[in-house]
Amino acid sequence: MSSGLTTLTIRTSLLICALVASTPAGAATELETFQRRIGKSAGSAVDYPDRAKGSCVCLASLVTGIVFKAGEIRQYAYGTSPAIRVAVECWVPQFSADGSRSGFAACYNFTALPK
């Protein structure tokens, strides 16, 4: 084998190894990628009440008394494969008399407030 061909073979082998090594073993799934994109505006329900990303106003709700109330946009995945979906809701916080957060009411008909 000539010196030039050996060098080319080594460079090609190194390039292939580098490409394989740069591909993450735990690459994000399409669901995770979608949730990350939605997560720019909607905080994770898992992190509630911390890390709110967006604000919303409830326009209509099955729960009486929360129409036109302010809330936080939250998202979460639900369902089972092959039909896992991502829900986005407006969570209207509820507070006790001492001002501490005591829970929330979910609203499904809402508008996001501009940042």
C-alpha atoms as a PDB file:
ATOM      1  CA  MET A   1       0.000   0.000   0.000  1.00  0.00           C
ATOM      2  CA  SER A   2       1.432   3.396  -0.905  1.00  0.00           C
ATOM      3  CA  SER A   3       2.105   6.095   1.674  1.00  0.00           C
ATOM      4  CA  GLY A   4      -0.572   8.388   0.190  1.00  0.00           C
ATOM      5  CA  LEU A   5      -3.232   5.664   0.256  1.00  0.00           C
ATOM      6  CA  THR A   6      -2.344   4.733   3.836  1.00  0.00           C
ATOM      7  CA  THR A   7      -2.656   8.371   4.933  1.00  0.00           C
ATOM      8  CA  LEU A   8      -6.020   8.687   3.169  1.00  0.00           C
ATOM      9  CA  THR A   9      -7.255   5.456   4.795  1.00  0.00           C
ATOM     10  CA  ILE A  10      -6.178   6.657   8.253  1.00  0.00           C
ATOM     11  CA  ARG A  11      -7.820  10.071   7.750  1.00  0.00           C
ATOM     12  CA  THR A  12     -11.046   8.441   6.530  1.00  0.00           C
ATOM     13  CA  SER A  13     -11.040   6.095   9.536  1.00  0.00           C
ATOM     14  CA  LEU A  14     -10.504   9.017  11.918  1.00  0.00           C
ATOM     15  CA  LEU A  15     -13.323  10.978  10.280  1.00  0.00           C
ATOM     16  CA  ILE A  16     -15.723   8.051  10.623  1.00  0.00           C
ATOM     17  CA  CYS A  17     -14.738   7.584  14.287  1.00  0.00           C
ATOM     18  CA  ALA A  18     -15.256  11.297  14.951  1.00  0.00           C
ATOM     19  CA  LEU A  19     -18.707  11.256  13.340  1.00  0.00           C
ATOM     20  CA  VAL A  20     -19.758   8.189  15.323  1.00  0.00           C
ATOM     21  CA  ALA A  21     -18.410   9.689  18.562  1.00  0.00           C
ATOM     22  CA  SER A  22     -20.212  13.004  17.980  1.00  0.00           C
ATOM     23  CA  THR A  23     -23.608  11.298  17.721  1.00  0.00           C
ATOM     24  CA  PRO A  24     -24.978  11.228  21.279  1.00  0.00           C
ATOM     25  CA  ALA A  25     -25.905   7.786  22.542  1.00  0.00           C
ATOM     26  CA  GLY A  26     -29.012   9.175  24.244  1.00  0.00           C
ATOM     27  CA  ALA A  27     -30.173  11.475  21.456  1.00  0.00           C
ATOM     28  CA  ALA A  28     -33.412  13.285  22.238  1.00  0.00           C
ATOM     29  CA  THR A  29     -36.608  11.749  20.962  1.00  0.00           C
ATOM     30  CA  GLU A  30     -38.995  13.766  18.813  1.00  0.00           C
ATOM     31  CA  LEU A  31     -41.320  14.037  21.834  1.00  0.00           C
ATOM     32  CA  GLU A  32     -38.514  15.494  23.974  1.00  0.00           C
ATOM     33  CA  THR A  33     -37.555  17.917  21.212  1.00  0.00           C
ATOM     34  CA  PHE A  34     -41.198  19.040  20.867  1.00  0.00           C
ATOM     35  CA  GLN A  35     -41.573  19.465  24.642  1.00  0.00           C
ATOM     36  CA  ARG A  36     -38.387  21.536  24.768  1.00  0.00           C
ATOM     37  CA  ARG A  37     -39.775  23.811  22.031  1.00  0.00           C
ATOM     38  CA  ILE A  38     -43.120  24.184  23.839  1.00  0.00           C
ATOM     39  CA  GLY A  39     -41.191  24.636  27.079  1.00  0.00           C
ATOM     40  CA  LYS A  40     -39.882  27.985  25.877  1.00  0.00           C
ATOM     41  CA  SER A  41     -43.351  29.401  26.562  1.00  0.00           C
ATOM     42  CA  ALA A  42     -44.907  26.828  28.900  1.00  0.00           C
ATOM     43  CA  GLY A  43     -43.269  25.689  32.116  1.00  0.00           C
ATOM     44  CA  SER A  44     -43.257  22.023  33.002  1.00  0.00           C
ATOM     45  CA  ALA A  45     -46.077  20.764  35.194  1.00  0.00           C
ATOM     46  CA  VAL A  46     -43.428  18.761  37.035  1.00  0.00           C
ATOM     47  CA  ASP A  47     -41.701  21.987  38.143  1.00  0.00           C
ATOM     48  CA  TYR A  48     -44.921  23.613  39.411  1.00  0.00           C
ATOM     49  CA  PRO A  49     -44.993  26.181  41.004  1.00  0.00           C
ATOM     50  CA  ASP A  50     -41.376  27.013  40.179  1.00  0.00           C
ATOM     51  CA  ARG A  51     -40.046  28.238  36.869  1.00  0.00           C
ATOM     52  CA  ALA A  52     -43.146  29.709  35.260  1.00  0.00           C
ATOM     53  CA  LYS A  53     -42.347  30.654  31.668  1.00  0.00           C
ATOM     54  CA  GLY A  54     -45.501  32.349  30.402  1.00  0.00           C
ATOM     55  CA  SER A  55     -48.593  34.036  31.740  1.00  0.00           C
ATOM     56  CA  CYS A  56     -52.162  33.542  30.588  1.00  0.00           C
ATOM     57  CA  VAL A  57     -55.733  34.654  31.163  1.00  0.00           C
ATOM     58  CA  CYS A  58     -58.477  32.059  31.498  1.00  0.00           C
ATOM     59  CA  LEU A  59     -61.321  32.827  29.061  1.00  0.00           C
ATOM     60  CA  ALA A  60     -63.737  30.040  30.011  1.00  0.00           C
ATOM     61  CA  SER A  61     -63.603  27.142  32.419  1.00  0.00           C
ATOM     62  CA  LEU A  62     -65.627  24.285  33.813  1.00  0.00           C
ATOM     63  CA  VAL A  63     -64.507  25.481  37.247  1.00  0.00           C
ATOM     64  CA  THR A  64     -66.686  28.401  38.232  1.00  0.00           C
ATOM     65  CA  GLY A  65     -65.045  31.586  39.396  1.00  0.00           C
ATOM     66  CA  ILE A  66     -61.801  31.454  37.425  1.00  0.00           C
ATOM     67  CA  VAL A  67     -62.940  33.094  34.183  1.00  0.00           C
ATOM     68  CA  PHE A  68     -60.748  36.117  33.358  1.00  0.00           C
ATOM     69  CA  LYS A  69     -58.265  35.175  36.067  1.00  0.00           C
ATOM     70  CA  ALA A  70     -54.512  35.260  35.493  1.00  0.00           C
ATOM     71  CA  GLY A  71     -52.459  32.099  35.493  1.00  0.00           C
ATOM     72  CA  GLU A  72     -49.288  30.393  34.311  1.00  0.00           C
ATOM     73  CA  ILE A  73     -48.913  28.340  31.139  1.00  0.00           C
ATOM     74  CA  ARG A  74     -47.934  24.723  31.896  1.00  0.00           C
ATOM     75  CA  GLN A  75     -47.300  21.686  29.682  1.00  0.00           C
ATOM     76  CA  TYR A  76     -47.019  17.956  30.257  1.00  0.00           C
ATOM     77  CA  ALA A  77     -47.020  14.716  28.275  1.00  0.00           C
ATOM     78  CA  TYR A  78     -49.804  12.168  28.756  1.00  0.00           C
ATOM     79  CA  GLY A  79     -51.130   8.999  27.178  1.00  0.00           C
ATOM     80  CA  THR A  80     -49.439   5.790  26.172  1.00  0.00           C
ATOM     81  CA  SER A  81     -47.514   4.791  23.097  1.00  0.00           C
ATOM     82  CA  PRO A  82     -48.248   5.147  20.203  1.00  0.00           C
ATOM     83  CA  ALA A  83     -50.474   8.124  21.105  1.00  0.00           C
ATOM     84  CA  ILE A  84     -48.489  10.221  23.589  1.00  0.00           C
ATOM     85  CA  ARG A  85     -49.632  13.845  23.466  1.00  0.00           C
ATOM     86  CA  VAL A  86     -48.500  17.130  24.986  1.00  0.00           C
ATOM     87  CA  ALA A  87     -51.139  19.167  26.826  1.00  0.00           C
ATOM     88  CA  VAL A  88     -50.873  22.911  27.398  1.00  0.00           C
ATOM     89  CA  GLU A  89     -53.039  24.463  30.119  1.00  0.00           C
ATOM     90  CA  CYS A  90     -53.433  27.721  31.980  1.00  0.00           C
ATOM     91  CA  TRP A  91     -52.998  27.002  35.677  1.00  0.00           C
ATOM     92  CA  VAL A  92     -54.736  29.645  37.794  1.00  0.00           C
ATOM     93  CA  PRO A  93     -53.125  29.690  41.238  1.00  0.00           C
ATOM     94  CA  GLN A  94     -55.206  29.658  44.397  1.00  0.00           C
ATOM     95  CA  PHE A  95     -53.956  31.281  47.591  1.00  0.00           C
ATOM     96  CA  SER A  96     -54.853  30.818  51.243  1.00  0.00           C
ATOM     97  CA  ALA A  97     -55.688  33.697  53.604  1.00  0.00           C
ATOM     98  CA  ASP A  98     -52.025  33.991  54.668  1.00  0.00           C
ATOM     99  CA  GLY A  99     -50.961  34.551  51.035  1.00  0.00           C
ATOM    100  CA  SER A 100     -49.334  31.148  50.489  1.00  0.00           C
ATOM    101  CA  ARG A 101     -50.151  29.147  47.368  1.00  0.00           C
ATOM    102  CA  SER A 102     -52.670  26.436  48.196  1.00  0.00           C
ATOM    103  CA  GLY A 103     -53.271  24.883  44.774  1.00  0.00           C
ATOM    104  CA  PHE A 104     -54.408  25.684  41.274  1.00  0.00           C
ATOM    105  CA  ALA A 105     -57.350  25.334  38.905  1.00  0.00           C
ATOM    106  CA  ALA A 106     -56.657  24.194  35.349  1.00  0.00           C
ATOM    107  CA  CYS A 107     -58.175  26.197  32.496  1.00  0.00           C
ATOM    108  CA  TYR A 108     -58.255  24.853  28.939  1.00  0.00           C
ATOM    109  CA  ASN A 109     -59.669  27.885  27.108  1.00  0.00           C
ATOM    110  CA  PHE A 110     -57.159  30.672  27.587  1.00  0.00           C
ATOM    111  CA  THR A 111     -55.037  33.258  25.852  1.00  0.00           C
ATOM    112  CA  ALA A 112     -51.319  33.727  26.427  1.00  0.00           C
ATOM    113  CA  LEU A 113     -50.188  37.139  27.593  1.00  0.00           C
ATOM    114  CA  PRO A 114     -47.283  38.739  25.726  1.00  0.00           C
ATOM    115  CA  LYS A 115     -43.935  38.685  27.507  1.00  0.00           C
END
